[in-house]
Amino acid sequence: MKNSPLSPTRQFIVNVMIVLVAVLIVWLVYILRDFIGLFLFSCFFALLLAPFVIRLKKWKIPDVLGILMTFFSVFLIVSLFLVSIIPVFI
């Protein structure tokens, strides 16, 4: 059996440091969970809307205007859907 290149005390310190770093990472993710969730939602939303912006760009519409048009269209569609379904539940 091959001996470890580190002494038992050093190996223990290395293991403790690895556990502390893992705990620190988990704690940091827990603290930033709201921002991480918002970031992932934003990335998913951008991924869904990217084909529409690319199509508008092919029609020579600037990126900023294409993004605004896409957001306005989605907002309008969702608003119309909510306005049409709310009276059913009331």
PDB file of N, CA and C in Angstrom:
ATOM      1  N   MET A   1       0.840  -1.159   0.000  1.00  0.00           N
ATOM      2  CA  MET A   1       0.000   0.000   0.000  1.00  0.00           C
ATOM      3  C   MET A   1       0.892   1.230   0.000  1.00  0.00           C
ATOM      4  N   LYS A   2       0.556   2.162  -0.886  1.00  0.00           N
ATOM      5  CA  LYS A   2       1.370   3.356  -1.034  1.00  0.00           C
ATOM      6  C   LYS A   2       1.010   4.374   0.046  1.00  0.00           C
ATOM      7  N   ASN A   3       2.022   4.965   0.641  1.00  0.00           N
ATOM      8  CA  ASN A   3       1.794   5.973   1.669  1.00  0.00           C
ATOM      9  C   ASN A   3       1.428   7.306   1.028  1.00  0.00           C
ATOM     10  N   SER A   4       0.619   8.071   1.723  1.00  0.00           N
ATOM     11  CA  SER A   4       0.234   9.392   1.257  1.00  0.00           C
ATOM     12  C   SER A   4       1.434  10.326   1.342  1.00  0.00           C
ATOM     13  N   PRO A   5       1.611  11.217   0.361  1.00  0.00           N
ATOM     14  CA  PRO A   5       2.753  12.126   0.409  1.00  0.00           C
ATOM     15  C   PRO A   5       2.632  13.152   1.528  1.00  0.00           C
ATOM     16  N   LEU A   6       1.449  13.330   2.073  1.00  0.00           N
ATOM     17  CA  LEU A   6       1.248  14.289   3.156  1.00  0.00           C
ATOM     18  C   LEU A   6       1.189  13.563   4.491  1.00  0.00           C
ATOM     19  N   SER A   7       1.659  14.229   5.517  1.00  0.00           N
ATOM     20  CA  SER A   7       1.560  13.650   6.844  1.00  0.00           C
ATOM     21  C   SER A   7       0.093  13.647   7.278  1.00  0.00           C
ATOM     22  N   PRO A   8      -0.274  12.814   8.244  1.00  0.00           N
ATOM     23  CA  PRO A   8      -1.680  12.765   8.680  1.00  0.00           C
ATOM     24  C   PRO A   8      -2.216  14.112   9.150  1.00  0.00           C
ATOM     25  N   THR A   9      -1.388  14.897   9.803  1.00  0.00           N
ATOM     26  CA  THR A   9      -1.846  16.205  10.272  1.00  0.00           C
ATOM     27  C   THR A   9      -2.134  17.122   9.091  1.00  0.00           C
ATOM     28  N   ARG A  10      -1.230  17.129   8.121  1.00  0.00           N
ATOM     29  CA  ARG A  10      -1.449  17.971   6.931  1.00  0.00           C
ATOM     30  C   ARG A  10      -2.671  17.490   6.147  1.00  0.00           C
ATOM     31  N   GLN A  11      -2.841  16.193   6.024  1.00  0.00           N
ATOM     32  CA  GLN A  11      -3.991  15.642   5.313  1.00  0.00           C
ATOM     33  C   GLN A  11      -5.287  16.057   6.014  1.00  0.00           C
ATOM     34  N   PHE A  12      -5.289  16.041   7.339  1.00  0.00           N
ATOM     35  CA  PHE A  12      -6.465  16.477   8.096  1.00  0.00           C
ATOM     36  C   PHE A  12      -6.756  17.955   7.833  1.00  0.00           C
ATOM     37  N   ILE A  13      -5.723  18.787   7.832  1.00  0.00           N
ATOM     38  CA  ILE A  13      -5.911  20.223   7.582  1.00  0.00           C
ATOM     39  C   ILE A  13      -6.441  20.456   6.169  1.00  0.00           C
ATOM     40  N   VAL A  14      -5.922  19.726   5.197  1.00  0.00           N
ATOM     41  CA  VAL A  14      -6.408  19.853   3.818  1.00  0.00           C
ATOM     42  C   VAL A  14      -7.873  19.452   3.742  1.00  0.00           C
ATOM     43  N   ASN A  15      -8.241  18.370   4.389  1.00  0.00           N
ATOM     44  CA  ASN A  15      -9.637  17.923   4.376  1.00  0.00           C
ATOM     45  C   ASN A  15     -10.557  18.943   5.052  1.00  0.00           C
ATOM     46  N   VAL A  16     -10.109  19.509   6.160  1.00  0.00           N
ATOM     47  CA  VAL A  16     -10.910  20.528   6.850  1.00  0.00           C
ATOM     48  C   VAL A  16     -11.083  21.754   5.959  1.00  0.00           C
ATOM     49  N   MET A  17     -10.030  22.163   5.278  1.00  0.00           N
ATOM     50  CA  MET A  17     -10.110  23.324   4.381  1.00  0.00           C
ATOM     51  C   MET A  17     -11.081  23.059   3.226  1.00  0.00           C
ATOM     52  N   ILE A  18     -11.057  21.836   2.682  1.00  0.00           N
ATOM     53  CA  ILE A  18     -11.982  21.486   1.603  1.00  0.00           C
ATOM     54  C   ILE A  18     -13.419  21.562   2.097  1.00  0.00           C
ATOM     55  N   VAL A  19     -13.678  21.039   3.288  1.00  0.00           N
ATOM     56  CA  VAL A  19     -15.034  21.091   3.852  1.00  0.00           C
ATOM     57  C   VAL A  19     -15.448  22.537   4.112  1.00  0.00           C
ATOM     58  N   LEU A  20     -14.539  23.358   4.646  1.00  0.00           N
ATOM     59  CA  LEU A  20     -14.868  24.767   4.902  1.00  0.00           C
ATOM     60  C   LEU A  20     -15.176  25.520   3.618  1.00  0.00           C
ATOM     61  N   VAL A  21     -14.409  25.262   2.572  1.00  0.00           N
ATOM     62  CA  VAL A  21     -14.674  25.917   1.284  1.00  0.00           C
ATOM     63  C   VAL A  21     -16.017  25.464   0.732  1.00  0.00           C
ATOM     64  N   ALA A  22     -16.337  24.177   0.852  1.00  0.00           N
ATOM     65  CA  ALA A  22     -17.629  23.674   0.380  1.00  0.00           C
ATOM     66  C   ALA A  22     -18.772  24.317   1.162  1.00  0.00           C
ATOM     67  N   VAL A  23     -18.621  24.432   2.474  1.00  0.00           N
ATOM     68  CA  VAL A  23     -19.652  25.075   3.299  1.00  0.00           C
ATOM     69  C   VAL A  23     -19.791  26.544   2.919  1.00  0.00           C
ATOM     70  N   LEU A  24     -18.685  27.217   2.672  1.00  0.00           N
ATOM     71  CA  LEU A  24     -18.726  28.619   2.262  1.00  0.00           C
ATOM     72  C   LEU A  24     -19.448  28.797   0.931  1.00  0.00           C
ATOM     73  N   ILE A  25     -19.196  27.901  -0.011  1.00  0.00           N
ATOM     74  CA  ILE A  25     -19.869  27.978  -1.308  1.00  0.00           C
ATOM     75  C   ILE A  25     -21.364  27.746  -1.152  1.00  0.00           C
ATOM     76  N   VAL A  26     -21.750  26.752  -0.360  1.00  0.00           N
ATOM     77  CA  VAL A  26     -23.176  26.487  -0.131  1.00  0.00           C
ATOM     78  C   VAL A  26     -23.831  27.676   0.554  1.00  0.00           C
ATOM     79  N   TRP A  27     -23.163  28.276   1.526  1.00  0.00           N
ATOM     80  CA  TRP A  27     -23.708  29.446   2.226  1.00  0.00           C
ATOM     81  C   TRP A  27     -23.864  30.620   1.266  1.00  0.00           C
ATOM     82  N   LEU A  28     -22.885  30.830   0.390  1.00  0.00           N
ATOM     83  CA  LEU A  28     -22.958  31.922  -0.581  1.00  0.00           C
ATOM     84  C   LEU A  28     -24.101  31.718  -1.570  1.00  0.00           C
ATOM     85  N   VAL A  29     -24.280  30.494  -2.033  1.00  0.00           N
ATOM     86  CA  VAL A  29     -25.397  30.193  -2.936  1.00  0.00           C
ATOM     87  C   VAL A  29     -26.722  30.405  -2.219  1.00  0.00           C
ATOM     88  N   TYR A  30     -26.797  30.034  -0.940  1.00  0.00           N
ATOM     89  CA  TYR A  30     -28.023  30.231  -0.168  1.00  0.00           C
ATOM     90  C   TYR A  30     -28.339  31.717  -0.010  1.00  0.00           C
ATOM     91  N   ILE A  31     -27.314  32.531   0.241  1.00  0.00           N
ATOM     92  CA  ILE A  31     -27.521  33.966   0.397  1.00  0.00           C
ATOM     93  C   ILE A  31     -27.950  34.601  -0.928  1.00  0.00           C
ATOM     94  N   LEU A  32     -27.383  34.144  -2.015  1.00  0.00           N
ATOM     95  CA  LEU A  32     -27.638  34.745  -3.328  1.00  0.00           C
ATOM     96  C   LEU A  32     -28.719  34.010  -4.121  1.00  0.00           C
ATOM     97  N   ARG A  33     -29.509  33.174  -3.469  1.00  0.00           N
ATOM     98  CA  ARG A  33     -30.480  32.353  -4.196  1.00  0.00           C
ATOM     99  C   ARG A  33     -31.507  33.181  -4.952  1.00  0.00           C
ATOM    100  N   ASP A  34     -31.927  34.316  -4.418  1.00  0.00           N
ATOM    101  CA  ASP A  34     -32.899  35.151  -5.121  1.00  0.00           C
ATOM    102  C   ASP A  34     -32.300  35.727  -6.399  1.00  0.00           C
ATOM    103  N   PHE A  35     -31.073  36.194  -6.309  1.00  0.00           N
ATOM    104  CA  PHE A  35     -30.420  36.749  -7.487  1.00  0.00           C
ATOM    105  C   PHE A  35     -30.129  35.670  -8.523  1.00  0.00           C
ATOM    106  N   ILE A  36     -29.756  34.499  -8.060  1.00  0.00           N
ATOM    107  CA  ILE A  36     -29.482  33.395  -8.980  1.00  0.00           C
ATOM    108  C   ILE A  36     -30.763  32.979  -9.688  1.00  0.00           C
ATOM    109  N   GLY A  37     -31.864  32.906  -8.959  1.00  0.00           N
ATOM    110  CA  GLY A  37     -33.147  32.559  -9.575  1.00  0.00           C
ATOM    111  C   GLY A  37     -33.592  33.595 -10.586  1.00  0.00           C
ATOM    112  N   LEU A  38     -33.443  34.869 -10.239  1.00  0.00           N
ATOM    113  CA  LEU A  38     -33.803  35.939 -11.163  1.00  0.00           C
ATOM    114  C   LEU A  38     -32.928  35.913 -12.404  1.00  0.00           C
ATOM    115  N   PHE A  39     -31.636  35.650 -12.221  1.00  0.00           N
ATOM    116  CA  PHE A  39     -30.719  35.569 -13.347  1.00  0.00           C
ATOM    117  C   PHE A  39     -31.082  34.402 -14.263  1.00  0.00           C
ATOM    118  N   LEU A  40     -31.380  33.240 -13.690  1.00  0.00           N
ATOM    119  CA  LEU A  40     -31.760  32.084 -14.505  1.00  0.00           C
ATOM    120  C   LEU A  40     -33.071  32.328 -15.239  1.00  0.00           C
ATOM    121  N   PHE A  41     -34.039  32.980 -14.573  1.00  0.00           N
ATOM    122  CA  PHE A  41     -35.303  33.309 -15.234  1.00  0.00           C
ATOM    123  C   PHE A  41     -35.059  34.276 -16.385  1.00  0.00           C
ATOM    124  N   SER A  42     -34.199  35.263 -16.190  1.00  0.00           N
ATOM    125  CA  SER A  42     -33.893  36.230 -17.241  1.00  0.00           C
ATOM    126  C   SER A  42     -33.207  35.563 -18.426  1.00  0.00           C
ATOM    127  N   CYS A  43     -32.292  34.648 -18.132  1.00  0.00           N
ATOM    128  CA  CYS A  43     -31.621  33.924 -19.214  1.00  0.00           C
ATOM    129  C   CYS A  43     -32.607  33.069 -20.001  1.00  0.00           C
ATOM    130  N   PHE A  44     -33.499  32.407 -19.294  1.00  0.00           N
ATOM    131  CA  PHE A  44     -34.513  31.586 -19.963  1.00  0.00           C
ATOM    132  C   PHE A  44     -35.435  32.447 -20.818  1.00  0.00           C
ATOM    133  N   PHE A  45     -35.850  33.584 -20.293  1.00  0.00           N
ATOM    134  CA  PHE A  45     -36.728  34.491 -21.029  1.00  0.00           C
ATOM    135  C   PHE A  45     -36.019  35.044 -22.267  1.00  0.00           C
ATOM    136  N   ALA A  46     -34.755  35.400 -22.134  1.00  0.00           N
ATOM    137  CA  ALA A  46     -33.981  35.901 -23.274  1.00  0.00           C
ATOM    138  C   ALA A  46     -33.809  34.806 -24.328  1.00  0.00           C
ATOM    139  N   LEU A  47     -33.615  33.580 -23.876  1.00  0.00           N
ATOM    140  CA  LEU A  47     -33.480  32.465 -24.793  1.00  0.00           C
ATOM    141  C   LEU A  47     -34.775  32.227 -25.567  1.00  0.00           C
ATOM    142  N   LEU A  48     -35.909  32.391 -24.910  1.00  0.00           N
ATOM    143  CA  LEU A  48     -37.194  32.212 -25.591  1.00  0.00           C
ATOM    144  C   LEU A  48     -37.477  33.310 -26.613  1.00  0.00           C
ATOM    145  N   LEU A  49     -37.048  34.527 -26.306  1.00  0.00           N
ATOM    146  CA  LEU A  49     -37.370  35.657 -27.180  1.00  0.00           C
ATOM    147  C   LEU A  49     -36.320  35.932 -28.242  1.00  0.00           C
ATOM    148  N   ALA A  50     -35.176  35.281 -28.172  1.00  0.00           N
ATOM    149  CA  ALA A  50     -34.089  35.533 -29.121  1.00  0.00           C
ATOM    150  C   ALA A  50     -34.493  35.286 -30.580  1.00  0.00           C
ATOM    151  N   PRO A  51     -35.227  34.225 -30.904  1.00  0.00           N
ATOM    152  CA  PRO A  51     -35.591  34.031 -32.321  1.00  0.00           C
ATOM    153  C   PRO A  51     -36.429  35.173 -32.897  1.00  0.00           C
ATOM    154  N   PHE A  52     -37.297  35.757 -32.082  1.00  0.00           N
ATOM    155  CA  PHE A  52     -38.102  36.880 -32.567  1.00  0.00           C
ATOM    156  C   PHE A  52     -37.237  38.098 -32.860  1.00  0.00           C
ATOM    157  N   VAL A  53     -36.275  38.360 -31.992  1.00  0.00           N
ATOM    158  CA  VAL A  53     -35.378  39.502 -32.179  1.00  0.00           C
ATOM    159  C   VAL A  53     -34.497  39.278 -33.405  1.00  0.00           C
ATOM    160  N   ILE A  54     -34.044  38.051 -33.602  1.00  0.00           N
ATOM    161  CA  ILE A  54     -33.219  37.741 -34.776  1.00  0.00           C
ATOM    162  C   ILE A  54     -34.023  37.926 -36.052  1.00  0.00           C
ATOM    163  N   ARG A  55     -35.279  37.508 -36.038  1.00  0.00           N
ATOM    164  CA  ARG A  55     -36.125  37.682 -37.223  1.00  0.00           C
ATOM    165  C   ARG A  55     -36.352  39.164 -37.508  1.00  0.00           C
ATOM    166  N   LEU A  56     -36.587  39.946 -36.467  1.00  0.00           N
ATOM    167  CA  LEU A  56     -36.765  41.381 -36.671  1.00  0.00           C
ATOM    168  C   LEU A  56     -35.469  42.027 -37.161  1.00  0.00           C
ATOM    169  N   LYS A  57     -34.338  41.517 -36.733  1.00  0.00           N
ATOM    170  CA  LYS A  57     -33.056  42.049 -37.189  1.00  0.00           C
ATOM    171  C   LYS A  57     -32.853  41.772 -38.678  1.00  0.00           C
ATOM    172  N   LYS A  58     -33.337  40.631 -39.143  1.00  0.00           N
ATOM    173  CA  LYS A  58     -33.248  40.322 -40.575  1.00  0.00           C
ATOM    174  C   LYS A  58     -34.101  41.285 -41.398  1.00  0.00           C
ATOM    175  N   TRP A  59     -35.136  41.848 -40.798  1.00  0.00           N
ATOM    176  CA  TRP A  59     -35.990  42.814 -41.480  1.00  0.00           C
ATOM    177  C   TRP A  59     -35.462  44.235 -41.308  1.00  0.00           C
ATOM    178  N   LYS A  60     -34.198  44.370 -40.917  1.00  0.00           N
ATOM    179  CA  LYS A  60     -33.510  45.660 -40.768  1.00  0.00           C
ATOM    180  C   LYS A  60     -34.070  46.525 -39.636  1.00  0.00           C
ATOM    181  N   ILE A  61     -34.604  45.890 -38.601  1.00  0.00           N
ATOM    182  CA  ILE A  61     -35.071  46.623 -37.423  1.00  0.00           C
ATOM    183  C   ILE A  61     -33.940  46.585 -36.396  1.00  0.00           C
ATOM    184  N   PRO A  62     -33.554  47.727 -35.815  1.00  0.00           N
ATOM    185  CA  PRO A  62     -32.454  47.737 -34.841  1.00  0.00           C
ATOM    186  C   PRO A  62     -32.736  46.839 -33.638  1.00  0.00           C
ATOM    187  N   ASP A  63     -31.651  46.401 -32.995  1.00  0.00           N
ATOM    188  CA  ASP A  63     -31.772  45.461 -31.871  1.00  0.00           C
ATOM    189  C   ASP A  63     -32.629  46.019 -30.735  1.00  0.00           C
ATOM    190  N   VAL A  64     -32.365  47.262 -30.346  1.00  0.00           N
ATOM    191  CA  VAL A  64     -33.100  47.847 -29.214  1.00  0.00           C
ATOM    192  C   VAL A  64     -34.585  47.928 -29.534  1.00  0.00           C
ATOM    193  N   LEU A  65     -34.919  48.366 -30.720  1.00  0.00           N
ATOM    194  CA  LEU A  65     -36.327  48.462 -31.111  1.00  0.00           C
ATOM    195  C   LEU A  65     -36.959  47.071 -31.206  1.00  0.00           C
ATOM    196  N   GLY A  66     -36.193  46.094 -31.702  1.00  0.00           N
ATOM    197  CA  GLY A  66     -36.705  44.720 -31.784  1.00  0.00           C
ATOM    198  C   GLY A  66     -36.974  44.136 -30.410  1.00  0.00           C
ATOM    199  N   ILE A  67     -36.079  44.393 -29.461  1.00  0.00           N
ATOM    200  CA  ILE A  67     -36.266  43.905 -28.095  1.00  0.00           C
ATOM    201  C   ILE A  67     -37.483  44.564 -27.465  1.00  0.00           C
ATOM    202  N   LEU A  68     -37.609  45.889 -27.635  1.00  0.00           N
ATOM    203  CA  LEU A  68     -38.768  46.593 -27.076  1.00  0.00           C
ATOM    204  C   LEU A  68     -40.072  46.106 -27.702  1.00  0.00           C
ATOM    205  N   MET A  69     -40.067  45.903 -29.010  1.00  0.00           N
ATOM    206  CA  MET A  69     -41.273  45.392 -29.669  1.00  0.00           C
ATOM    207  C   MET A  69     -41.638  43.998 -29.169  1.00  0.00           C
ATOM    208  N   THR A  70     -40.628  43.158 -28.974  1.00  0.00           N
ATOM    209  CA  THR A  70     -40.886  41.801 -28.501  1.00  0.00           C
ATOM    210  C   THR A  70     -41.438  41.817 -27.082  1.00  0.00           C
ATOM    211  N   PHE A  71     -40.829  42.612 -26.198  1.00  0.00           N
ATOM    212  CA  PHE A  71     -41.334  42.703 -24.826  1.00  0.00           C
ATOM    213  C   PHE A  71     -42.746  43.274 -24.791  1.00  0.00           C
ATOM    214  N   PHE A  72     -42.996  44.298 -25.590  1.00  0.00           N
ATOM    215  CA  PHE A  72     -44.332  44.890 -25.625  1.00  0.00           C
ATOM    216  C   PHE A  72     -45.353  43.880 -26.142  1.00  0.00           C
ATOM    217  N   SER A  73     -44.982  43.113 -27.163  1.00  0.00           N
ATOM    218  CA  SER A  73     -45.892  42.102 -27.712  1.00  0.00           C
ATOM    219  C   SER A  73     -46.225  41.034 -26.677  1.00  0.00           C
ATOM    220  N   VAL A  74     -45.207  40.547 -25.985  1.00  0.00           N
ATOM    221  CA  VAL A  74     -45.441  39.518 -24.968  1.00  0.00           C
ATOM    222  C   VAL A  74     -46.285  40.083 -23.832  1.00  0.00           C
ATOM    223  N   PHE A  75     -45.970  41.307 -23.399  1.00  0.00           N
ATOM    224  CA  PHE A  75     -46.749  41.938 -22.336  1.00  0.00           C
ATOM    225  C   PHE A  75     -48.203  42.123 -22.773  1.00  0.00           C
ATOM    226  N   LEU A  76     -48.419  42.528 -23.999  1.00  0.00           N
ATOM    227  CA  LEU A  76     -49.774  42.725 -24.515  1.00  0.00           C
ATOM    228  C   LEU A  76     -50.541  41.408 -24.578  1.00  0.00           C
ATOM    229  N   ILE A  77     -49.901  40.362 -25.042  1.00  0.00           N
ATOM    230  CA  ILE A  77     -50.560  39.058 -25.143  1.00  0.00           C
ATOM    231  C   ILE A  77     -50.921  38.514 -23.762  1.00  0.00           C
ATOM    232  N   VAL A  78     -49.985  38.610 -22.813  1.00  0.00           N
ATOM    233  CA  VAL A  78     -50.259  38.131 -21.457  1.00  0.00           C
ATOM    234  C   VAL A  78     -51.358  38.970 -20.805  1.00  0.00           C
ATOM    235  N   SER A  79     -51.334  40.284 -21.022  1.00  0.00           N
ATOM    236  CA  SER A  79     -52.364  41.154 -20.450  1.00  0.00           C
ATOM    237  C   SER A  79     -53.741  40.827 -21.022  1.00  0.00           C
ATOM    238  N   LEU A  80     -53.810  40.644 -22.326  1.00  0.00           N
ATOM    239  CA  LEU A  80     -55.096  40.292 -22.944  1.00  0.00           C
ATOM    240  C   LEU A  80     -55.601  38.949 -22.438  1.00  0.00           C
ATOM    241  N   PHE A  81     -54.691  38.011 -22.249  1.00  0.00           N
ATOM    242  CA  PHE A  81     -55.093  36.713 -21.721  1.00  0.00           C
ATOM    243  C   PHE A  81     -55.648  36.843 -20.309  1.00  0.00           C
ATOM    244  N   LEU A  82     -54.964  37.601 -19.470  1.00  0.00           N
ATOM    245  CA  LEU A  82     -55.434  37.774 -18.091  1.00  0.00           C
ATOM    246  C   LEU A  82     -56.755  38.529 -18.038  1.00  0.00           C
ATOM    247  N   VAL A  83     -56.891  39.565 -18.855  1.00  0.00           N
ATOM    248  CA  VAL A  83     -58.133  40.327 -18.869  1.00  0.00           C
ATOM    249  C   VAL A  83     -59.292  39.474 -19.351  1.00  0.00           C
ATOM    250  N   SER A  84     -59.039  38.577 -20.275  1.00  0.00           N
ATOM    251  CA  SER A  84     -60.135  37.740 -20.778  1.00  0.00           C
ATOM    252  C   SER A  84     -60.484  36.589 -19.839  1.00  0.00           C
ATOM    253  N   ILE A  85     -59.561  36.156 -19.003  1.00  0.00           N
ATOM    254  CA  ILE A  85     -59.839  35.009 -18.140  1.00  0.00           C
ATOM    255  C   ILE A  85     -60.289  35.413 -16.744  1.00  0.00           C
ATOM    256  N   ILE A  86     -59.941  36.615 -16.280  1.00  0.00           N
ATOM    257  CA  ILE A  86     -60.310  37.040 -14.930  1.00  0.00           C
ATOM    258  C   ILE A  86     -61.830  37.074 -14.717  1.00  0.00           C
ATOM    259  N   PRO A  87     -62.626  37.594 -15.666  1.00  0.00           N
ATOM    260  CA  PRO A  87     -64.080  37.601 -15.439  1.00  0.00           C
ATOM    261  C   PRO A  87     -64.684  36.206 -15.252  1.00  0.00           C
ATOM    262  N   VAL A  88     -64.071  35.190 -15.814  1.00  0.00           N
ATOM    263  CA  VAL A  88     -64.572  33.835 -15.658  1.00  0.00           C
ATOM    264  C   VAL A  88     -64.478  33.398 -14.205  1.00  0.00           C
ATOM    265  N   PHE A  89     -63.421  33.796 -13.509  1.00  0.00           N
ATOM    266  CA  PHE A  89     -63.217  33.379 -12.139  1.00  0.00           C
ATOM    267  C   PHE A  89     -63.930  34.299 -11.142  1.00  0.00           C
ATOM    268  N   ILE A  90     -64.297  35.472 -11.566  1.00  0.00           N
ATOM    269  CA  ILE A  90     -64.990  36.387 -10.667  1.00  0.00           C
ATOM    270  C   ILE A  90     -66.463  36.062 -10.718  1.00  0.00           C
TER     271      ILE A  90
END
